[in-house]
Amino acid sequence: MVPAQFLNLLTFGLWGKLGRLTHYAFDAVLLSAFLAGMKRSTGLTPSLKRDSITENKEVNVWIDKYLGVGEWVMDQSVAIAGSSGWFERKR
């Protein structure tokens, strides 16, 4: 038996689902970073009128945190790219 199949058997198939969950999480962070980049370059932001999305305060807090993750990813990406020799600023 191949070790990956044995690991999948031991974890009741959760090992394969972990990869899929990681993929979805990465896609969600990528979308959040895209929205943060769009906000910085154009000033456009998602409309977060509290009544248009939901009246649940917890959901609104989660949306703010989600968009904050994109801002953090953008900040870190710009800092890393700015300190590397692979990128240069042109304005």
N, C-alpha and C. Protein backbone atom coordinates (compact mmCIF):
# COMPACT_ATOMS: atom_id res chain seq x y z
N MET A 1 0.84 -1.17 0.00
CA MET A 1 0.00 0.00 0.00
C MET A 1 0.90 1.24 0.00
N VAL A 2 0.55 2.21 -0.82
CA VAL A 2 1.30 3.45 -0.94
C VAL A 2 1.09 4.28 0.33
N PRO A 3 2.15 4.96 0.83
CA PRO A 3 2.01 5.73 2.07
C PRO A 3 0.89 6.77 2.04
N ALA A 4 0.68 7.42 0.90
CA ALA A 4 -0.39 8.42 0.82
C ALA A 4 -1.76 7.77 0.97
N GLN A 5 -1.92 6.58 0.40
CA GLN A 5 -3.19 5.87 0.55
C GLN A 5 -3.39 5.43 1.99
N PHE A 6 -2.32 5.01 2.65
CA PHE A 6 -2.40 4.59 4.04
C PHE A 6 -2.75 5.78 4.94
N LEU A 7 -2.14 6.94 4.66
CA LEU A 7 -2.44 8.13 5.43
C LEU A 7 -3.89 8.55 5.22
N ASN A 8 -4.37 8.44 4.00
CA ASN A 8 -5.76 8.77 3.70
C ASN A 8 -6.70 7.82 4.43
N LEU A 9 -6.33 6.55 4.51
CA LEU A 9 -7.14 5.57 5.23
C LEU A 9 -7.16 5.87 6.72
N LEU A 10 -6.02 6.24 7.29
CA LEU A 10 -5.94 6.54 8.72
C LEU A 10 -6.74 7.80 9.10
N THR A 11 -6.80 8.76 8.21
CA THR A 11 -7.49 10.01 8.52
C THR A 11 -8.92 10.02 7.99
N PHE A 12 -9.42 8.87 7.58
CA PHE A 12 -10.80 8.72 7.08
C PHE A 12 -11.09 9.63 5.90
N GLY A 13 -10.12 9.84 5.03
CA GLY A 13 -10.30 10.65 3.83
C GLY A 13 -10.13 12.14 4.05
N LEU A 14 -9.80 12.55 5.26
CA LEU A 14 -9.66 13.98 5.54
C LEU A 14 -8.41 14.58 4.93
N TRP A 15 -7.40 13.75 4.65
CA TRP A 15 -6.15 14.26 4.09
C TRP A 15 -6.39 14.93 2.74
N GLY A 16 -7.21 14.33 1.90
CA GLY A 16 -7.53 14.92 0.60
C GLY A 16 -8.36 16.18 0.75
N LYS A 17 -9.24 16.20 1.73
CA LYS A 17 -10.07 17.37 1.97
C LYS A 17 -9.25 18.54 2.51
N LEU A 18 -8.16 18.26 3.20
CA LEU A 18 -7.29 19.31 3.72
C LEU A 18 -6.66 20.10 2.56
N GLY A 19 -6.26 19.40 1.52
CA GLY A 19 -5.70 20.06 0.34
C GLY A 19 -6.72 20.95 -0.34
N ARG A 20 -7.94 20.48 -0.43
CA ARG A 20 -9.00 21.26 -1.06
C ARG A 20 -9.32 22.50 -0.21
N LEU A 21 -9.37 22.32 1.11
CA LEU A 21 -9.63 23.44 2.00
C LEU A 21 -8.51 24.48 1.91
N THR A 22 -7.27 24.02 1.82
CA THR A 22 -6.14 24.93 1.67
C THR A 22 -6.25 25.71 0.36
N HIS A 23 -6.66 25.04 -0.68
CA HIS A 23 -6.82 25.68 -1.99
C HIS A 23 -7.89 26.77 -1.91
N TYR A 24 -9.03 26.47 -1.30
CA TYR A 24 -10.11 27.46 -1.17
C TYR A 24 -9.68 28.64 -0.30
N ALA A 25 -8.93 28.37 0.76
CA ALA A 25 -8.45 29.44 1.64
C ALA A 25 -7.49 30.35 0.88
N PHE A 26 -6.60 29.76 0.10
CA PHE A 26 -5.66 30.55 -0.70
C PHE A 26 -6.42 31.41 -1.72
N ASP A 27 -7.43 30.84 -2.36
CA ASP A 27 -8.23 31.61 -3.31
C ASP A 27 -8.96 32.76 -2.63
N ALA A 28 -9.47 32.53 -1.42
CA ALA A 28 -10.16 33.59 -0.69
C ALA A 28 -9.21 34.73 -0.34
N VAL A 29 -7.99 34.40 0.08
CA VAL A 29 -7.00 35.43 0.41
C VAL A 29 -6.59 36.17 -0.86
N LEU A 30 -6.46 35.45 -1.96
CA LEU A 30 -6.11 36.09 -3.23
C LEU A 30 -7.19 37.07 -3.66
N LEU A 31 -8.45 36.71 -3.50
CA LEU A 31 -9.55 37.61 -3.85
C LEU A 31 -9.55 38.83 -2.94
N SER A 32 -9.31 38.64 -1.66
CA SER A 32 -9.25 39.75 -0.72
C SER A 32 -8.10 40.69 -1.06
N ALA A 33 -6.95 40.14 -1.43
CA ALA A 33 -5.80 40.97 -1.83
C ALA A 33 -6.11 41.72 -3.13
N PHE A 34 -6.83 41.09 -4.04
CA PHE A 34 -7.23 41.76 -5.28
C PHE A 34 -8.12 42.96 -4.97
N LEU A 35 -9.08 42.77 -4.05
CA LEU A 35 -9.96 43.88 -3.67
C LEU A 35 -9.18 45.00 -2.99
N ALA A 36 -8.17 44.64 -2.18
CA ALA A 36 -7.32 45.65 -1.54
C ALA A 36 -6.52 46.42 -2.58
N GLY A 37 -5.99 45.72 -3.58
CA GLY A 37 -5.25 46.39 -4.65
C GLY A 37 -6.13 47.30 -5.47
N MET A 38 -7.36 46.86 -5.72
CA MET A 38 -8.30 47.69 -6.46
C MET A 38 -8.64 48.96 -5.66
N LYS A 39 -8.75 48.80 -4.35
CA LYS A 39 -9.03 49.96 -3.49
C LYS A 39 -7.87 50.95 -3.54
N ARG A 40 -6.65 50.45 -3.51
CA ARG A 40 -5.48 51.34 -3.50
C ARG A 40 -5.26 52.03 -4.84
N SER A 41 -5.49 51.33 -5.93
CA SER A 41 -5.18 51.92 -7.23
C SER A 41 -6.31 52.79 -7.78
N THR A 42 -7.57 52.50 -7.42
CA THR A 42 -8.68 53.26 -8.00
C THR A 42 -9.52 53.97 -6.96
N GLY A 43 -9.41 53.57 -5.70
CA GLY A 43 -10.26 54.15 -4.67
C GLY A 43 -11.60 53.46 -4.53
N LEU A 44 -11.89 52.52 -5.41
CA LEU A 44 -13.16 51.79 -5.34
C LEU A 44 -13.10 50.72 -4.26
N THR A 45 -14.12 50.66 -3.45
CA THR A 45 -14.20 49.66 -2.40
C THR A 45 -15.55 48.96 -2.48
N PRO A 46 -15.63 47.74 -1.98
CA PRO A 46 -16.94 47.08 -1.94
C PRO A 46 -17.90 47.89 -1.05
N SER A 47 -19.12 48.01 -1.50
CA SER A 47 -20.11 48.75 -0.74
C SER A 47 -20.51 47.92 0.47
N LEU A 48 -20.18 48.42 1.64
CA LEU A 48 -20.49 47.70 2.87
C LEU A 48 -21.59 48.40 3.64
N LYS A 49 -22.58 48.89 2.91
CA LYS A 49 -23.72 49.47 3.60
C LYS A 49 -24.32 48.37 4.45
N ARG A 50 -24.41 48.63 5.70
CA ARG A 50 -24.79 47.59 6.66
C ARG A 50 -26.14 46.95 6.33
N ASP A 51 -27.06 47.69 5.75
CA ASP A 51 -28.37 47.13 5.45
C ASP A 51 -28.36 46.30 4.18
N SER A 52 -27.42 46.58 3.26
CA SER A 52 -27.45 45.88 1.98
C SER A 52 -26.89 44.46 2.07
N ILE A 53 -25.97 44.20 3.00
CA ILE A 53 -25.40 42.86 3.10
C ILE A 53 -26.17 42.04 4.12
N THR A 54 -26.15 42.48 5.33
CA THR A 54 -26.85 41.78 6.39
C THR A 54 -26.96 42.69 7.60
N GLU A 55 -27.90 42.41 8.43
CA GLU A 55 -28.03 43.19 9.66
C GLU A 55 -27.30 42.53 10.81
N ASN A 56 -26.77 41.33 10.58
CA ASN A 56 -26.06 40.60 11.61
C ASN A 56 -24.69 41.24 11.84
N LYS A 57 -24.45 41.70 13.04
CA LYS A 57 -23.20 42.40 13.34
C LYS A 57 -21.99 41.48 13.25
N GLU A 58 -22.14 40.21 13.59
CA GLU A 58 -21.02 39.27 13.51
C GLU A 58 -20.57 39.07 12.08
N VAL A 59 -21.51 39.00 11.15
CA VAL A 59 -21.15 38.84 9.74
C VAL A 59 -20.40 40.07 9.25
N ASN A 60 -20.86 41.24 9.67
CA ASN A 60 -20.18 42.47 9.27
C ASN A 60 -18.76 42.52 9.82
N VAL A 61 -18.56 42.04 11.04
CA VAL A 61 -17.22 41.99 11.62
C VAL A 61 -16.34 41.04 10.81
N TRP A 62 -16.89 39.89 10.42
CA TRP A 62 -16.13 38.93 9.62
C TRP A 62 -15.76 39.49 8.25
N ILE A 63 -16.67 40.25 7.66
CA ILE A 63 -16.38 40.87 6.36
C ILE A 63 -15.24 41.88 6.51
N ASP A 64 -15.30 42.69 7.56
CA ASP A 64 -14.23 43.65 7.80
C ASP A 64 -12.89 42.96 8.03
N LYS A 65 -12.90 41.85 8.77
CA LYS A 65 -11.67 41.10 9.01
C LYS A 65 -11.15 40.49 7.71
N TYR A 66 -12.06 39.97 6.90
CA TYR A 66 -11.68 39.37 5.61
C TYR A 66 -11.00 40.39 4.71
N LEU A 67 -11.58 41.58 4.62
CA LEU A 67 -10.98 42.62 3.80
C LEU A 67 -9.68 43.12 4.43
N GLY A 68 -9.57 43.08 5.74
CA GLY A 68 -8.34 43.45 6.42
C GLY A 68 -7.20 42.50 6.11
N VAL A 69 -7.53 41.22 5.93
CA VAL A 69 -6.51 40.23 5.55
C VAL A 69 -5.92 40.60 4.19
N GLY A 70 -6.77 41.02 3.26
CA GLY A 70 -6.29 41.44 1.94
C GLY A 70 -5.38 42.65 2.03
N GLU A 71 -5.74 43.59 2.89
CA GLU A 71 -4.89 44.77 3.09
C GLU A 71 -3.53 44.35 3.64
N TRP A 72 -3.53 43.44 4.61
CA TRP A 72 -2.28 42.98 5.21
C TRP A 72 -1.42 42.25 4.18
N VAL A 73 -2.05 41.40 3.36
CA VAL A 73 -1.31 40.67 2.32
C VAL A 73 -0.71 41.66 1.32
N MET A 74 -1.46 42.69 0.96
CA MET A 74 -0.92 43.70 0.04
C MET A 74 0.26 44.43 0.67
N ASP A 75 0.14 44.82 1.94
CA ASP A 75 1.23 45.51 2.62
C ASP A 75 2.49 44.65 2.65
N GLN A 76 2.33 43.39 3.01
CA GLN A 76 3.48 42.49 3.08
C GLN A 76 4.09 42.25 1.70
N SER A 77 3.24 42.10 0.70
CA SER A 77 3.73 41.86 -0.67
C SER A 77 4.52 43.05 -1.18
N VAL A 78 4.01 44.25 -0.93
CA VAL A 78 4.71 45.46 -1.38
C VAL A 78 6.03 45.61 -0.64
N ALA A 79 6.04 45.30 0.65
CA ALA A 79 7.28 45.41 1.42
C ALA A 79 8.33 44.42 0.93
N ILE A 80 7.92 43.20 0.65
CA ILE A 80 8.87 42.19 0.17
C ILE A 80 9.36 42.54 -1.23
N ALA A 81 8.43 42.94 -2.10
CA ALA A 81 8.84 43.30 -3.46
C ALA A 81 9.73 44.53 -3.47
N GLY A 82 9.45 45.49 -2.58
CA GLY A 82 10.26 46.70 -2.53
C GLY A 82 11.66 46.47 -2.04
N SER A 83 11.84 45.45 -1.21
CA SER A 83 13.17 45.18 -0.68
C SER A 83 13.97 44.20 -1.53
N SER A 84 13.33 43.62 -2.53
CA SER A 84 14.06 42.69 -3.40
C SER A 84 14.65 43.44 -4.58
N GLY A 85 15.56 42.83 -5.25
CA GLY A 85 16.17 43.44 -6.43
C GLY A 85 15.40 43.15 -7.70
N TRP A 86 14.34 42.39 -7.60
CA TRP A 86 13.58 41.99 -8.78
C TRP A 86 12.58 43.05 -9.22
N PHE A 87 12.28 44.03 -8.36
CA PHE A 87 11.30 45.06 -8.69
C PHE A 87 11.92 46.43 -8.50
N GLU A 88 11.42 47.42 -9.28
CA GLU A 88 11.86 48.79 -9.11
C GLU A 88 10.64 49.70 -9.27
N ARG A 89 10.69 50.84 -8.60
CA ARG A 89 9.58 51.80 -8.67
C ARG A 89 9.74 52.69 -9.89
N LYS A 90 8.65 52.85 -10.63
CA LYS A 90 8.62 53.74 -11.77
C LYS A 90 7.35 54.57 -11.65
N ARG A 91 7.51 55.89 -11.60
CA ARG A 91 6.34 56.77 -11.53
C ARG A 91 6.53 57.93 -12.43
